[in-house]
Amino acid sequence: MFLICLILLFIFYISYRLYQHLYLSKDINPNGKYVLITGCDTGFGHTLAIELDKQGFNVFAGIYNQENQISFQNKLSSRAIVFHLDITQSSHIDAAYKLVKEKTNTLHALVNNAGIDQDCLIDWITLDFMRKMMEVNFFGHVSMTKTFLPLLITKQDSRVVNLCSVAGYMVAPTMSSYCASKFAFEAFSDCLRREMHAWKLRVSIIEPGYMRTPIVEGHVETMKKLWNELPVDTKDRWGEDYLNNIVNKRSQNLFIYLAENPMKVVRALQHAVTNTHPHIRYRPGWQSSLLFFPLSMLPAWFADFILYYGRGANVTPAGVYKQAKE
C-alpha cells in the first residue's frame, strides 16, 4: 500500500509539472503596480530591479552602499526610486515605509532579497558573529515584512517574495550561522503564507544553489581571519592542518566551480512577482532541484555520508590525535 501511494504521488507530481509547463499562466498588468526590493547593490536584487523596471513596474530599490545610488539610478527609468536601506536598522525601515507611503497605499510586492553569507566552524565563530547573520538574513526580513504588511494586504493578490537558499532545507559543515538563518526564514515564510491566506497574500520562497554572484566570494578570507582571532587553546584543539584542509576544500568546492547562471534566480523572482499564479517554492538550477533537494529527503545517515566524504579527504583535528595517544 505504501509503495502504491508513492507511485500515485509521483504520477500526480509529474502530471502537475506537465500542466504547469503546457498551460502557462499569464503575467499581471504592471501599470500602477509598486514593488519594493531590498539588497539591490549587486546580484539578484540589482538585476531584478532593472528587469521589473523595464516591464513597467514602479520599483523601490533599497541599497546598502550609498555610493551606488547615483550610478544605479541612472540604469533605471524615472519611475524608479533608489534609496539607502539597512534592514537591520529600524530607522531605515521606518524611513522606507514613509517613502513608499508617499507614493502609494498599496504595495504589490515586497522582495526580501538582502543577505550575507560568511560562515565557519561552530567552535570558531562568536555569538556576535551568529547574531549578525541572523539580524541580516532573518530579523531584518521579519521587520521589513511586518512593517509593510499593512500596504500589502490593502488589495488581494499582493505578494511577499523571500530569497532563501538550499541552506534553508539542507545543512553542511562550516555553515551553521547561514543555515540557521535560512531555516528560520523558511519557517517564517511558511507561517506567513498560512496565516495570511484569508487576505489572499501570496508568499513565495526561492531556494537556489550556488550561483555566480559576489555573495559566494570571501569565505576563505573570513575563515583565515576568524582563525587568527581564535584563542590558543582552540587553535591547538583543531590544528593548522585542519584549517588548511577546509580552506582548500572551500577553494576547490565543485559546486562553487560549477556555480550556475544567476539569471535563473532572477527569472524565478520575476515570475513570483509578475505571474498571476506564482509558485509557493522555486528551486532554480540543477543544484537545488536535482541534487540538494532529493538529498535532503533521504535518510540522515546517508546524507551525512555524502556530505562528509563527498568533499574529499578529511583531516583529523589535532585534539582527536591527542586523545588517541592518551
C-alpha atoms as a PDB file:
ATOM      1  CA  MET A   1       0.000   0.000   0.000  1.00  0.00           C
ATOM      2  CA  PHE A   2       2.824   2.408   0.870  1.00  0.00           C
ATOM      3  CA  LEU A   3       4.513   1.730  -2.473  1.00  0.00           C
ATOM      4  CA  ILE A   4       1.253   2.334  -4.314  1.00  0.00           C
ATOM      5  CA  CYS A   5       0.835   5.674  -2.551  1.00  0.00           C
ATOM      6  CA  LEU A   6       4.360   6.693  -3.521  1.00  0.00           C
ATOM      7  CA  ILE A   7       3.729   5.771  -7.153  1.00  0.00           C
ATOM      8  CA  LEU A   8       0.452   7.725  -7.179  1.00  0.00           C
ATOM      9  CA  LEU A   9       2.162  10.747  -5.619  1.00  0.00           C
ATOM     10  CA  PHE A  10       4.917  10.556  -8.220  1.00  0.00           C
ATOM     11  CA  ILE A  11       2.378  10.368 -11.063  1.00  0.00           C
ATOM     12  CA  PHE A  12       0.467  13.301  -9.586  1.00  0.00           C
ATOM     13  CA  TYR A  13       3.679  15.351  -9.298  1.00  0.00           C
ATOM     14  CA  ILE A  14       4.739  14.640 -12.893  1.00  0.00           C
ATOM     15  CA  SER A  15       1.239  15.460 -14.141  1.00  0.00           C
ATOM     16  CA  TYR A  16       1.242  18.721 -12.198  1.00  0.00           C
ATOM     17  CA  ARG A  17       4.637  19.728 -13.591  1.00  0.00           C
ATOM     18  CA  LEU A  18       3.480  18.931 -17.142  1.00  0.00           C
ATOM     19  CA  TYR A  19       0.373  21.018 -16.576  1.00  0.00           C
ATOM     20  CA  GLN A  20       2.488  23.948 -15.400  1.00  0.00           C
ATOM     21  CA  HIS A  21       4.730  23.606 -18.446  1.00  0.00           C
ATOM     22  CA  LEU A  22       1.967  23.230 -21.046  1.00  0.00           C
ATOM     23  CA  TYR A  23      -0.567  25.692 -19.643  1.00  0.00           C
ATOM     24  CA  LEU A  24       1.436  28.766 -18.790  1.00  0.00           C
ATOM     25  CA  SER A  25      -0.359  31.312 -16.644  1.00  0.00           C
ATOM     26  CA  LYS A  26      -0.365  34.950 -17.675  1.00  0.00           C
ATOM     27  CA  ASP A  27       1.526  37.883 -16.237  1.00  0.00           C
ATOM     28  CA  ILE A  28      -0.249  40.716 -14.472  1.00  0.00           C
ATOM     29  CA  ASN A  29      -0.509  44.228 -15.854  1.00  0.00           C
ATOM     30  CA  PRO A  30       2.413  46.183 -14.328  1.00  0.00           C
ATOM     31  CA  ASN A  31       0.731  49.556 -14.782  1.00  0.00           C
ATOM     32  CA  GLY A  32       0.394  51.264 -11.408  1.00  0.00           C
ATOM     33  CA  LYS A  33       1.987  48.365  -9.524  1.00  0.00           C
ATOM     34  CA  TYR A  34       4.653  49.147  -6.906  1.00  0.00           C
ATOM     35  CA  VAL A  35       7.428  46.720  -5.935  1.00  0.00           C
ATOM     36  CA  LEU A  36       9.958  47.115  -3.118  1.00  0.00           C
ATOM     37  CA  ILE A  37      13.245  45.182  -3.395  1.00  0.00           C
ATOM     38  CA  THR A  38      15.981  45.034  -0.749  1.00  0.00           C
ATOM     39  CA  GLY A  39      19.672  44.372  -1.385  1.00  0.00           C
ATOM     40  CA  CYS A  40      19.894  45.925  -4.844  1.00  0.00           C
ATOM     41  CA  ASP A  41      23.586  46.873  -4.728  1.00  0.00           C
ATOM     42  CA  THR A  42      24.635  43.780  -6.688  1.00  0.00           C
ATOM     43  CA  GLY A  43      23.486  40.300  -7.630  1.00  0.00           C
ATOM     44  CA  PHE A  44      19.889  39.167  -7.874  1.00  0.00           C
ATOM     45  CA  GLY A  45      18.270  42.295  -6.466  1.00  0.00           C
ATOM     46  CA  HIS A  46      20.222  44.584  -8.782  1.00  0.00           C
ATOM     47  CA  THR A  47      19.230  42.681 -11.911  1.00  0.00           C
ATOM     48  CA  LEU A  48      15.642  42.105 -10.770  1.00  0.00           C
ATOM     49  CA  ALA A  49      15.112  45.835 -10.244  1.00  0.00           C
ATOM     50  CA  ILE A  50      16.303  46.529 -13.788  1.00  0.00           C
ATOM     51  CA  GLU A  51      14.110  43.788 -15.270  1.00  0.00           C
ATOM     52  CA  LEU A  52      10.953  44.848 -13.420  1.00  0.00           C
ATOM     53  CA  ASP A  53      11.596  48.484 -14.280  1.00  0.00           C
ATOM     54  CA  LYS A  54      11.791  47.537 -17.970  1.00  0.00           C
ATOM     55  CA  GLN A  55       8.445  45.747 -17.651  1.00  0.00           C
ATOM     56  CA  GLY A  56       6.779  48.909 -16.380  1.00  0.00           C
ATOM     57  CA  PHE A  57       6.609  48.345 -12.619  1.00  0.00           C
ATOM     58  CA  ASN A  58       7.241  51.192 -10.198  1.00  0.00           C
ATOM     59  CA  VAL A  59      10.353  49.970  -8.420  1.00  0.00           C
ATOM     60  CA  PHE A  60      11.638  50.967  -4.995  1.00  0.00           C
ATOM     61  CA  ALA A  61      15.239  49.701  -4.889  1.00  0.00           C
ATOM     62  CA  GLY A  62      16.930  49.597  -1.489  1.00  0.00           C
ATOM     63  CA  ILE A  63      20.730  49.644  -1.486  1.00  0.00           C
ATOM     64  CA  TYR A  64      23.145  49.257   1.412  1.00  0.00           C
ATOM     65  CA  ASN A  65      26.047  51.247  -0.024  1.00  0.00           C
ATOM     66  CA  GLN A  66      25.062  54.857  -0.694  1.00  0.00           C
ATOM     67  CA  GLU A  67      27.939  55.234  -3.144  1.00  0.00           C
ATOM     68  CA  ASN A  68      25.963  53.067  -5.581  1.00  0.00           C
ATOM     69  CA  GLN A  69      22.867  55.233  -5.514  1.00  0.00           C
ATOM     70  CA  ILE A  70      23.502  57.632  -8.409  1.00  0.00           C
ATOM     71  CA  SER A  71      25.023  55.071 -10.774  1.00  0.00           C
ATOM     72  CA  PHE A  72      22.183  52.619 -10.171  1.00  0.00           C
ATOM     73  CA  GLN A  73      19.503  55.288 -10.505  1.00  0.00           C
ATOM     74  CA  ASN A  74      20.910  56.095 -13.949  1.00  0.00           C
ATOM     75  CA  LYS A  75      20.243  52.489 -15.025  1.00  0.00           C
ATOM     76  CA  LEU A  76      16.539  52.805 -14.230  1.00  0.00           C
ATOM     77  CA  SER A  77      13.644  54.848 -15.538  1.00  0.00           C
ATOM     78  CA  SER A  78      12.322  57.987 -13.889  1.00  0.00           C
ATOM     79  CA  ARG A  79       9.588  55.893 -12.230  1.00  0.00           C
ATOM     80  CA  ALA A  80      12.119  54.030 -10.074  1.00  0.00           C
ATOM     81  CA  ILE A  81      13.375  55.257  -6.714  1.00  0.00           C
ATOM     82  CA  VAL A  82      16.757  54.152  -5.384  1.00  0.00           C
ATOM     83  CA  PHE A  83      17.339  54.764  -1.684  1.00  0.00           C
ATOM     84  CA  HIS A  84      19.671  53.826   1.167  1.00  0.00           C
ATOM     85  CA  LEU A  85      18.386  50.911   3.236  1.00  0.00           C
ATOM     86  CA  ASP A  86      19.986  48.875   6.001  1.00  0.00           C
ATOM     87  CA  ILE A  87      17.342  46.321   7.004  1.00  0.00           C
ATOM     88  CA  THR A  88      18.939  45.847  10.421  1.00  0.00           C
ATOM     89  CA  GLN A  89      18.159  49.464  11.327  1.00  0.00           C
ATOM     90  CA  SER A  90      14.566  50.221  12.351  1.00  0.00           C
ATOM     91  CA  SER A  91      15.037  53.903  11.484  1.00  0.00           C
ATOM     92  CA  HIS A  92      15.922  52.943   7.890  1.00  0.00           C
ATOM     93  CA  ILE A  93      12.870  50.690   7.621  1.00  0.00           C
ATOM     94  CA  ASP A  94      10.590  53.398   9.009  1.00  0.00           C
ATOM     95  CA  ALA A  95      12.019  55.891   6.511  1.00  0.00           C
ATOM     96  CA  ALA A  96      11.452  53.375   3.702  1.00  0.00           C
ATOM     97  CA  TYR A  97       7.835  52.935   4.765  1.00  0.00           C
ATOM     98  CA  LYS A  98       7.302  56.691   4.736  1.00  0.00           C
ATOM     99  CA  LEU A  99       8.890  56.907   1.272  1.00  0.00           C
ATOM    100  CA  VAL A 100       6.620  54.201  -0.130  1.00  0.00           C
ATOM    101  CA  LYS A 101       3.505  55.529   1.634  1.00  0.00           C
ATOM    102  CA  GLU A 102       4.008  58.918   0.000  1.00  0.00           C
ATOM    103  CA  LYS A 103       3.668  57.256  -3.408  1.00  0.00           C
ATOM    104  CA  THR A 104       1.039  54.580  -2.822  1.00  0.00           C
ATOM    105  CA  ASN A 105      -1.255  52.957  -0.282  1.00  0.00           C
ATOM    106  CA  THR A 106      -0.873  49.558  -1.942  1.00  0.00           C
ATOM    107  CA  LEU A 107       2.330  47.623  -2.379  1.00  0.00           C
ATOM    108  CA  HIS A 108       2.085  44.880  -4.993  1.00  0.00           C
ATOM    109  CA  ALA A 109       5.209  43.026  -3.875  1.00  0.00           C
ATOM    110  CA  LEU A 110       7.921  43.032  -1.241  1.00  0.00           C
ATOM    111  CA  VAL A 111      11.053  41.160  -2.322  1.00  0.00           C
ATOM    112  CA  ASN A 112      13.213  40.304   0.692  1.00  0.00           C
ATOM    113  CA  ASN A 113      16.497  39.787  -1.120  1.00  0.00           C
ATOM    114  CA  ALA A 114      19.215  41.338   1.072  1.00  0.00           C
ATOM    115  CA  GLY A 115      21.589  38.894   2.719  1.00  0.00           C
ATOM    116  CA  ILE A 116      25.120  37.944   3.729  1.00  0.00           C
ATOM    117  CA  ASP A 117      26.919  34.593   3.592  1.00  0.00           C
ATOM    118  CA  GLN A 118      30.098  34.377   5.666  1.00  0.00           C
ATOM    119  CA  ASP A 119      30.454  31.355   7.924  1.00  0.00           C
ATOM    120  CA  CYS A 120      32.822  28.945   9.625  1.00  0.00           C
ATOM    121  CA  LEU A 121      33.012  26.113  12.185  1.00  0.00           C
ATOM    122  CA  ILE A 122      30.736  26.453  15.212  1.00  0.00           C
ATOM    123  CA  ASP A 123      33.730  26.207  17.530  1.00  0.00           C
ATOM    124  CA  TRP A 124      35.399  29.116  15.736  1.00  0.00           C
ATOM    125  CA  ILE A 125      32.607  31.667  15.462  1.00  0.00           C
ATOM    126  CA  THR A 126      31.418  34.008  18.193  1.00  0.00           C
ATOM    127  CA  LEU A 127      27.849  34.609  19.280  1.00  0.00           C
ATOM    128  CA  ASP A 128      28.126  38.128  17.884  1.00  0.00           C
ATOM    129  CA  PHE A 129      29.075  36.612  14.516  1.00  0.00           C
ATOM    130  CA  MET A 130      25.957  34.433  14.551  1.00  0.00           C
ATOM    131  CA  ARG A 131      23.755  37.278  15.780  1.00  0.00           C
ATOM    132  CA  LYS A 132      24.899  39.469  12.874  1.00  0.00           C
ATOM    133  CA  MET A 133      24.000  36.705  10.414  1.00  0.00           C
ATOM    134  CA  MET A 134      20.558  36.340  11.985  1.00  0.00           C
ATOM    135  CA  GLU A 135      20.000  40.109  12.070  1.00  0.00           C
ATOM    136  CA  VAL A 136      20.584  40.451   8.321  1.00  0.00           C
ATOM    137  CA  ASN A 137      19.254  37.155   6.989  1.00  0.00           C
ATOM    138  CA  PHE A 138      16.278  36.748   9.305  1.00  0.00           C
ATOM    139  CA  PHE A 139      15.265  39.529  11.682  1.00  0.00           C
ATOM    140  CA  GLY A 140      15.775  42.237   9.057  1.00  0.00           C
ATOM    141  CA  HIS A 141      13.350  40.470   6.717  1.00  0.00           C
ATOM    142  CA  VAL A 142      10.880  39.885   9.529  1.00  0.00           C
ATOM    143  CA  SER A 143      10.969  43.588  10.364  1.00  0.00           C
ATOM    144  CA  MET A 144      10.519  44.584   6.712  1.00  0.00           C
ATOM    145  CA  THR A 145       7.593  42.207   6.287  1.00  0.00           C
ATOM    146  CA  LYS A 146       5.795  43.288   9.459  1.00  0.00           C
ATOM    147  CA  THR A 147       6.301  46.975   8.633  1.00  0.00           C
ATOM    148  CA  PHE A 148       4.973  46.743   5.073  1.00  0.00           C
ATOM    149  CA  LEU A 149       2.220  44.195   5.728  1.00  0.00           C
ATOM    150  CA  PRO A 150      -0.488  46.908   6.021  1.00  0.00           C
ATOM    151  CA  LEU A 151       0.357  48.114   2.488  1.00  0.00           C
ATOM    152  CA  LEU A 152       0.462  44.563   1.118  1.00  0.00           C
ATOM    153  CA  ILE A 153      -2.959  43.462   2.320  1.00  0.00           C
ATOM    154  CA  THR A 154      -4.895  46.512   1.117  1.00  0.00           C
ATOM    155  CA  LYS A 155      -5.500  44.557  -2.099  1.00  0.00           C
ATOM    156  CA  GLN A 156      -5.753  40.819  -2.713  1.00  0.00           C
ATOM    157  CA  ASP A 157      -3.088  39.055  -4.774  1.00  0.00           C
ATOM    158  CA  SER A 158      -0.188  41.096  -3.450  1.00  0.00           C
ATOM    159  CA  ARG A 159       2.861  39.049  -2.639  1.00  0.00           C
ATOM    160  CA  VAL A 160       5.934  38.624  -0.471  1.00  0.00           C
ATOM    161  CA  VAL A 161       8.890  37.007  -2.229  1.00  0.00           C
ATOM    162  CA  ASN A 162      11.636  35.705   0.049  1.00  0.00           C
ATOM    163  CA  LEU A 163      15.062  34.773  -1.250  1.00  0.00           C
ATOM    164  CA  CYS A 164      16.128  31.773   0.756  1.00  0.00           C
ATOM    165  CA  SER A 165      18.567  29.029  -0.273  1.00  0.00           C
ATOM    166  CA  VAL A 166      19.187  25.288  -0.402  1.00  0.00           C
ATOM    167  CA  ALA A 167      20.660  26.051   3.028  1.00  0.00           C
ATOM    168  CA  GLY A 168      17.081  26.524   4.186  1.00  0.00           C
ATOM    169  CA  TYR A 169      16.411  22.803   3.921  1.00  0.00           C
ATOM    170  CA  MET A 170      19.890  21.211   3.733  1.00  0.00           C
ATOM    171  CA  VAL A 171      22.803  21.877   6.083  1.00  0.00           C
ATOM    172  CA  ALA A 172      26.520  21.439   5.527  1.00  0.00           C
ATOM    173  CA  PRO A 173      29.639  21.699   7.738  1.00  0.00           C
ATOM    174  CA  THR A 174      31.038  25.213   8.322  1.00  0.00           C
ATOM    175  CA  MET A 175      27.632  26.787   7.501  1.00  0.00           C
ATOM    176  CA  SER A 176      25.843  26.783  10.866  1.00  0.00           C
ATOM    177  CA  SER A 177      25.047  30.521  11.049  1.00  0.00           C
ATOM    178  CA  TYR A 178      23.912  30.792   7.442  1.00  0.00           C
ATOM    179  CA  CYS A 179      21.822  27.621   7.561  1.00  0.00           C
ATOM    180  CA  ALA A 180      20.235  28.607  10.871  1.00  0.00           C
ATOM    181  CA  SER A 181      19.187  31.959   9.413  1.00  0.00           C
ATOM    182  CA  LYS A 182      17.776  30.354   6.270  1.00  0.00           C
ATOM    183  CA  PHE A 183      15.910  27.590   8.128  1.00  0.00           C
ATOM    184  CA  ALA A 184      14.350  30.304  10.290  1.00  0.00           C
ATOM    185  CA  PHE A 185      13.461  32.339   7.205  1.00  0.00           C
ATOM    186  CA  GLU A 186      11.789  29.321   5.590  1.00  0.00           C
ATOM    187  CA  ALA A 187       9.704  28.680   8.711  1.00  0.00           C
ATOM    188  CA  PHE A 188       8.686  32.333   8.932  1.00  0.00           C
ATOM    189  CA  SER A 189       7.694  32.359   5.252  1.00  0.00           C
ATOM    190  CA  ASP A 190       5.529  29.256   5.563  1.00  0.00           C
ATOM    191  CA  CYS A 191       3.801  30.608   8.673  1.00  0.00           C
ATOM    192  CA  LEU A 192       3.202  33.935   6.962  1.00  0.00           C
ATOM    193  CA  ARG A 193       1.626  32.249   3.935  1.00  0.00           C
ATOM    194  CA  ARG A 194      -0.752  30.178   6.047  1.00  0.00           C
ATOM    195  CA  GLU A 195      -1.676  32.986   8.423  1.00  0.00           C
ATOM    196  CA  MET A 196      -2.397  35.446   5.595  1.00  0.00           C
ATOM    197  CA  HIS A 197      -4.416  33.014   3.485  1.00  0.00           C
ATOM    198  CA  ALA A 198      -7.665  34.845   4.219  1.00  0.00           C
ATOM    199  CA  TRP A 199      -6.117  38.052   2.867  1.00  0.00           C
ATOM    200  CA  LYS A 200      -5.039  36.267  -0.346  1.00  0.00           C
ATOM    201  CA  LEU A 201      -1.451  37.385   0.233  1.00  0.00           C
ATOM    202  CA  ARG A 202       0.843  35.177  -1.812  1.00  0.00           C
ATOM    203  CA  VAL A 203       4.179  34.155  -0.320  1.00  0.00           C
ATOM    204  CA  SER A 204       6.909  32.604  -2.464  1.00  0.00           C
ATOM    205  CA  ILE A 205      10.214  31.116  -1.331  1.00  0.00           C
ATOM    206  CA  ILE A 206      13.216  30.986  -3.688  1.00  0.00           C
ATOM    207  CA  GLU A 207      15.743  28.221  -2.932  1.00  0.00           C
ATOM    208  CA  PRO A 208      18.771  28.427  -5.268  1.00  0.00           C
ATOM    209  CA  GLY A 209      22.041  26.514  -5.015  1.00  0.00           C
ATOM    210  CA  TYR A 210      25.403  28.126  -5.735  1.00  0.00           C
ATOM    211  CA  MET A 211      25.121  30.927  -8.290  1.00  0.00           C
ATOM    212  CA  ARG A 212      27.788  33.147  -9.843  1.00  0.00           C
ATOM    213  CA  THR A 213      27.260  36.151  -7.575  1.00  0.00           C
ATOM    214  CA  PRO A 214      29.531  38.156  -5.232  1.00  0.00           C
ATOM    215  CA  ILE A 215      27.938  36.514  -2.154  1.00  0.00           C
ATOM    216  CA  VAL A 216      29.896  33.262  -2.704  1.00  0.00           C
ATOM    217  CA  GLU A 217      33.208  35.119  -2.546  1.00  0.00           C
ATOM    218  CA  GLY A 218      35.304  35.892   0.505  1.00  0.00           C
ATOM    219  CA  HIS A 219      34.722  32.716   2.531  1.00  0.00           C
ATOM    220  CA  VAL A 220      38.386  31.698   2.612  1.00  0.00           C
ATOM    221  CA  GLU A 221      39.459  35.127   3.847  1.00  0.00           C
ATOM    222  CA  THR A 222      36.774  35.010   6.545  1.00  0.00           C
ATOM    223  CA  MET A 223      37.939  31.605   7.776  1.00  0.00           C
ATOM    224  CA  LYS A 224      41.553  32.751   7.980  1.00  0.00           C
ATOM    225  CA  LYS A 225      40.557  35.941   9.791  1.00  0.00           C
ATOM    226  CA  LEU A 226      38.492  34.009  12.340  1.00  0.00           C
ATOM    227  CA  TRP A 227      41.337  31.536  12.826  1.00  0.00           C
ATOM    228  CA  ASN A 228      43.800  34.318  13.565  1.00  0.00           C
ATOM    229  CA  GLU A 229      41.467  35.694  16.245  1.00  0.00           C
ATOM    230  CA  LEU A 230      40.886  32.346  17.990  1.00  0.00           C
ATOM    231  CA  PRO A 231      42.210  31.630  21.498  1.00  0.00           C
ATOM    232  CA  VAL A 232      45.354  29.489  21.579  1.00  0.00           C
ATOM    233  CA  ASP A 233      43.552  26.508  23.131  1.00  0.00           C
ATOM    234  CA  THR A 234      41.018  26.443  20.293  1.00  0.00           C
ATOM    235  CA  LYS A 235      43.794  26.535  17.691  1.00  0.00           C
ATOM    236  CA  ASP A 236      45.547  23.698  19.494  1.00  0.00           C
ATOM    237  CA  ARG A 237      42.312  21.730  19.553  1.00  0.00           C
ATOM    238  CA  TRP A 238      41.961  21.794  15.777  1.00  0.00           C
ATOM    239  CA  GLY A 239      45.453  22.388  14.412  1.00  0.00           C
ATOM    240  CA  GLU A 240      46.613  24.289  11.342  1.00  0.00           C
ATOM    241  CA  ASP A 241      46.433  21.162   9.189  1.00  0.00           C
ATOM    242  CA  TYR A 242      42.685  21.131   9.740  1.00  0.00           C
ATOM    243  CA  LEU A 243      42.451  24.820   8.852  1.00  0.00           C
ATOM    244  CA  ASN A 244      44.415  24.308   5.646  1.00  0.00           C
ATOM    245  CA  ASN A 245      42.243  21.322   4.751  1.00  0.00           C
ATOM    246  CA  ILE A 246      38.912  23.161   4.992  1.00  0.00           C
ATOM    247  CA  VAL A 247      40.375  26.226   3.250  1.00  0.00           C
ATOM    248  CA  ASN A 248      41.489  24.020   0.360  1.00  0.00           C
ATOM    249  CA  LYS A 249      38.105  22.328   0.241  1.00  0.00           C
ATOM    250  CA  ARG A 250      36.389  25.684   0.088  1.00  0.00           C
ATOM    251  CA  SER A 251      38.752  26.949  -2.608  1.00  0.00           C
ATOM    252  CA  GLN A 252      38.200  23.795  -4.659  1.00  0.00           C
ATOM    253  CA  ASN A 253      34.473  23.409  -3.952  1.00  0.00           C
ATOM    254  CA  LEU A 254      32.981  21.707  -7.001  1.00  0.00           C
ATOM    255  CA  PHE A 255      29.601  23.363  -6.585  1.00  0.00           C
ATOM    256  CA  ILE A 256      31.163  26.813  -6.466  1.00  0.00           C
ATOM    257  CA  TYR A 257      33.237  25.912  -9.522  1.00  0.00           C
ATOM    258  CA  LEU A 258      30.009  24.816 -11.243  1.00  0.00           C
ATOM    259  CA  ALA A 259      28.045  27.798  -9.946  1.00  0.00           C
ATOM    260  CA  GLU A 260      25.092  28.499 -12.200  1.00  0.00           C
ATOM    261  CA  ASN A 261      23.843  31.487 -14.140  1.00  0.00           C
ATOM    262  CA  PRO A 262      22.273  33.950 -11.653  1.00  0.00           C
ATOM    263  CA  MET A 263      19.612  34.814 -14.242  1.00  0.00           C
ATOM    264  CA  LYS A 264      17.914  31.536 -13.284  1.00  0.00           C
ATOM    265  CA  VAL A 265      17.225  33.034  -9.876  1.00  0.00           C
ATOM    266  CA  VAL A 266      16.245  36.417 -11.308  1.00  0.00           C
ATOM    267  CA  ARG A 267      13.695  34.724 -13.585  1.00  0.00           C
ATOM    268  CA  ALA A 268      12.258  32.848 -10.608  1.00  0.00           C
ATOM    269  CA  LEU A 269      11.999  36.075  -8.616  1.00  0.00           C
ATOM    270  CA  GLN A 270      10.468  37.786 -11.619  1.00  0.00           C
ATOM    271  CA  HIS A 271       7.874  35.057 -12.065  1.00  0.00           C
ATOM    272  CA  ALA A 272       6.934  35.229  -8.379  1.00  0.00           C
ATOM    273  CA  VAL A 273       6.377  38.993  -8.678  1.00  0.00           C
ATOM    274  CA  THR A 274       4.678  39.190 -12.060  1.00  0.00           C
ATOM    275  CA  ASN A 275       2.745  35.972 -12.660  1.00  0.00           C
ATOM    276  CA  THR A 276      -0.940  35.551 -11.899  1.00  0.00           C
ATOM    277  CA  HIS A 277      -0.192  32.168 -10.307  1.00  0.00           C
ATOM    278  CA  PRO A 278       3.197  32.382  -8.527  1.00  0.00           C
ATOM    279  CA  HIS A 279       4.612  29.190  -7.071  1.00  0.00           C
ATOM    280  CA  ILE A 280       4.971  28.603  -3.347  1.00  0.00           C
ATOM    281  CA  ARG A 281       8.540  27.387  -3.852  1.00  0.00           C
ATOM    282  CA  TYR A 282      11.064  27.846  -6.628  1.00  0.00           C
ATOM    283  CA  ARG A 283      14.223  25.756  -6.889  1.00  0.00           C
ATOM    284  CA  PRO A 284      16.075  27.388  -9.783  1.00  0.00           C
ATOM    285  CA  GLY A 285      19.004  25.481 -11.261  1.00  0.00           C
ATOM    286  CA  TRP A 286      20.055  21.847 -11.271  1.00  0.00           C
ATOM    287  CA  GLN A 287      21.910  22.012  -7.952  1.00  0.00           C
ATOM    288  CA  SER A 288      18.807  22.810  -5.936  1.00  0.00           C
ATOM    289  CA  SER A 289      16.189  20.853  -7.860  1.00  0.00           C
ATOM    290  CA  LEU A 290      18.128  17.747  -8.920  1.00  0.00           C
ATOM    291  CA  LEU A 291      20.769  17.309  -6.221  1.00  0.00           C
ATOM    292  CA  PHE A 292      20.305  19.032  -2.869  1.00  0.00           C
ATOM    293  CA  PHE A 293      16.531  18.732  -2.546  1.00  0.00           C
ATOM    294  CA  PRO A 294      16.448  14.988  -3.319  1.00  0.00           C
ATOM    295  CA  LEU A 295      19.416  14.515  -0.975  1.00  0.00           C
ATOM    296  CA  SER A 296      17.529  16.301   1.808  1.00  0.00           C
ATOM    297  CA  MET A 297      14.718  13.749   1.514  1.00  0.00           C
ATOM    298  CA  LEU A 298      17.000  10.738   2.046  1.00  0.00           C
ATOM    299  CA  PRO A 299      17.803   9.185   5.456  1.00  0.00           C
ATOM    300  CA  ALA A 300      20.040  11.429   7.568  1.00  0.00           C
ATOM    301  CA  TRP A 301      22.836   8.840   7.832  1.00  0.00           C
ATOM    302  CA  PHE A 302      23.079   8.676   4.036  1.00  0.00           C
ATOM    303  CA  ALA A 303      23.130  12.459   3.644  1.00  0.00           C
ATOM    304  CA  ASP A 304      25.784  12.628   6.390  1.00  0.00           C
ATOM    305  CA  PHE A 305      27.919  10.136   4.482  1.00  0.00           C
ATOM    306  CA  ILE A 306      27.622  12.065   1.202  1.00  0.00           C
ATOM    307  CA  LEU A 307      28.372  15.427   2.790  1.00  0.00           C
ATOM    308  CA  TYR A 308      31.269  14.165   4.904  1.00  0.00           C
ATOM    309  CA  TYR A 309      33.082  12.098   2.297  1.00  0.00           C
ATOM    310  CA  GLY A 310      31.842  13.797  -0.832  1.00  0.00           C
ATOM    311  CA  ARG A 311      34.094  16.784  -0.229  1.00  0.00           C
ATOM    312  CA  GLY A 312      37.286  14.766  -0.458  1.00  0.00           C
ATOM    313  CA  ALA A 313      39.826  13.558   2.081  1.00  0.00           C
ATOM    314  CA  ASN A 314      39.339  14.751   5.635  1.00  0.00           C
ATOM    315  CA  VAL A 315      41.976  15.756   8.155  1.00  0.00           C
ATOM    316  CA  THR A 316      41.593  14.626  11.751  1.00  0.00           C
ATOM    317  CA  PRO A 317      41.649  17.501  14.266  1.00  0.00           C
ATOM    318  CA  ALA A 318      44.814  17.725  16.344  1.00  0.00           C
ATOM    319  CA  GLY A 319      42.825  17.244  19.545  1.00  0.00           C
ATOM    320  CA  VAL A 320      41.495  13.893  18.353  1.00  0.00           C
ATOM    321  CA  TYR A 321      45.048  12.678  17.735  1.00  0.00           C
ATOM    322  CA  LYS A 322      45.981  13.794  21.216  1.00  0.00           C
ATOM    323  CA  GLN A 323      43.054  11.871  22.749  1.00  0.00           C
ATOM    324  CA  ALA A 324      44.041   8.719  20.873  1.00  0.00           C
ATOM    325  CA  LYS A 325      47.606   8.898  22.202  1.00  0.00           C
ATOM    326  CA  GLU A 326      46.383   9.331  25.744  1.00  0.00           C
END
